[in-house]
Amino acid sequence: MSQRKPYEIILKPVITEKSNRLMEDEKKYTFEVALDASKEEIKQAIESLFGVKVKKVNTMIVKPKKKRIIGRFRKYGTTKKWKKAIITLEKGQEIDLLSIV
């Protein structure tokens, strides 16, 4: 396992309607993480950054989507490929995402 800093593993929180609903109802938090980060690295980074106890880490790679760029000529490109981690915390634990955004 590499000795990377937590900010190199956890890139930013994902704030969407679905992630807000997960935060309120089930105390699950969503983050964009480095593509090569393992679940154990993500768990250690979250615990060291926020001082909470992580129960479970689910990860998925979000595939790039095709996008049309409007201009003089029609061009097509793609969004970037990224990795998403959904963090489940132990009972009674909480992360204040508004303080880090």
Protein backbone atom coordinates (compact mmCIF):
# COMPACT_ATOMS: atom_id res chain seq x y z
CA MET A 1 0.00 0.00 0.00
CA SER A 2 1.36 3.42 -0.91
CA GLN A 3 1.84 6.21 1.59
CA ARG A 4 -0.27 8.90 -0.04
CA LYS A 5 -1.76 11.86 1.76
CA PRO A 6 -5.51 11.75 2.45
CA TYR A 7 -6.14 14.76 0.18
CA GLU A 8 -4.58 12.86 -2.71
CA ILE A 9 -7.08 10.02 -2.20
CA ILE A 10 -10.25 11.97 -1.32
CA LEU A 11 -10.66 14.59 -4.05
CA LYS A 12 -14.01 16.22 -3.28
CA PRO A 13 -17.48 15.51 -1.92
CA VAL A 14 -20.25 14.77 -4.41
CA ILE A 15 -23.27 16.97 -3.64
CA THR A 16 -26.37 15.94 -5.59
CA GLU A 17 -30.01 15.38 -4.72
CA LYS A 18 -29.44 11.66 -4.35
CA SER A 19 -26.33 12.06 -2.17
CA ASN A 20 -28.16 14.58 0.04
CA ARG A 21 -31.00 12.09 0.49
CA LEU A 22 -28.49 9.37 1.42
CA MET A 23 -26.85 11.71 3.95
CA GLU A 24 -30.12 12.60 5.66
CA ASP A 25 -31.78 9.18 5.67
CA GLU A 26 -28.99 6.62 5.93
CA LYS A 27 -25.90 8.62 7.03
CA LYS A 28 -24.02 7.68 3.84
CA TYR A 29 -21.58 10.17 2.34
CA THR A 30 -20.42 10.31 -1.29
CA PHE A 31 -16.94 11.40 -2.39
CA GLU A 32 -14.97 11.54 -5.61
CA VAL A 33 -11.76 9.60 -5.04
CA ALA A 34 -8.58 8.81 -6.96
CA LEU A 35 -9.06 6.18 -9.67
CA ASP A 36 -6.39 3.87 -8.24
CA ALA A 37 -7.45 4.17 -4.58
CA SER A 38 -8.40 0.95 -2.78
CA LYS A 39 -11.25 0.61 -0.29
CA GLU A 40 -8.81 0.33 2.60
CA GLU A 41 -6.96 3.51 1.54
CA ILE A 42 -10.28 5.36 1.25
CA LYS A 43 -11.36 4.16 4.69
CA GLN A 44 -8.10 5.28 6.32
CA ALA A 45 -8.20 8.66 4.54
CA ILE A 46 -11.79 9.39 5.68
CA GLU A 47 -11.00 8.35 9.25
CA SER A 48 -7.90 10.54 9.41
CA LEU A 49 -9.46 13.58 7.70
CA PHE A 50 -12.74 13.74 9.59
CA GLY A 51 -12.04 11.79 12.79
CA VAL A 52 -14.97 9.38 12.32
CA LYS A 53 -15.31 5.60 12.32
CA VAL A 54 -16.12 4.09 8.90
CA LYS A 55 -18.36 1.02 8.81
CA LYS A 56 -18.35 0.25 5.07
CA VAL A 57 -16.96 1.58 1.78
CA ASN A 58 -18.67 0.99 -1.58
CA THR A 59 -16.87 2.11 -4.74
CA MET A 60 -17.82 2.39 -8.38
CA ILE A 61 -16.21 3.77 -11.51
CA VAL A 62 -18.43 6.25 -13.34
CA LYS A 63 -18.07 5.72 -17.07
CA PRO A 64 -17.55 8.71 -19.39
CA LYS A 65 -20.58 9.97 -21.29
CA LYS A 66 -20.62 11.34 -24.82
CA LYS A 67 -21.29 15.07 -25.05
CA ARG A 68 -21.86 17.31 -28.04
CA ILE A 69 -19.89 20.54 -28.15
CA ILE A 70 -21.85 23.25 -29.90
CA GLY A 71 -19.88 25.56 -32.12
CA ARG A 72 -19.36 26.30 -35.75
CA PHE A 73 -18.87 22.62 -36.46
CA ARG A 74 -20.46 19.77 -34.57
CA LYS A 75 -17.89 18.13 -32.38
CA TYR A 76 -18.21 15.29 -29.94
CA GLY A 77 -16.28 14.68 -26.78
CA THR A 78 -16.65 12.79 -23.55
CA THR A 79 -16.82 13.60 -19.87
CA LYS A 80 -14.05 12.29 -17.67
CA LYS A 81 -13.92 8.85 -16.09
CA TRP A 82 -13.97 9.04 -12.29
CA LYS A 83 -14.34 6.91 -9.20
CA LYS A 84 -17.08 7.39 -6.64
CA ALA A 85 -16.99 6.12 -3.04
CA ILE A 86 -20.08 5.86 -0.82
CA ILE A 87 -19.04 5.83 2.83
CA THR A 88 -21.26 4.35 5.54
CA LEU A 89 -20.40 5.55 9.04
CA GLU A 90 -20.87 3.82 12.39
CA LYS A 91 -23.93 4.78 14.45
CA GLY A 92 -23.67 8.20 16.02
CA GLN A 93 -20.94 9.42 13.63
CA GLU A 94 -21.44 12.41 11.34
CA ILE A 95 -19.46 14.51 8.85
CA ASP A 96 -20.23 18.22 8.32
CA LEU A 97 -19.75 18.57 4.57
CA LEU A 98 -20.68 22.25 4.50
CA SER A 99 -17.52 23.12 6.40
CA ILE A 100 -15.26 21.54 3.73
CA VAL A 101 -17.00 22.68 0.54
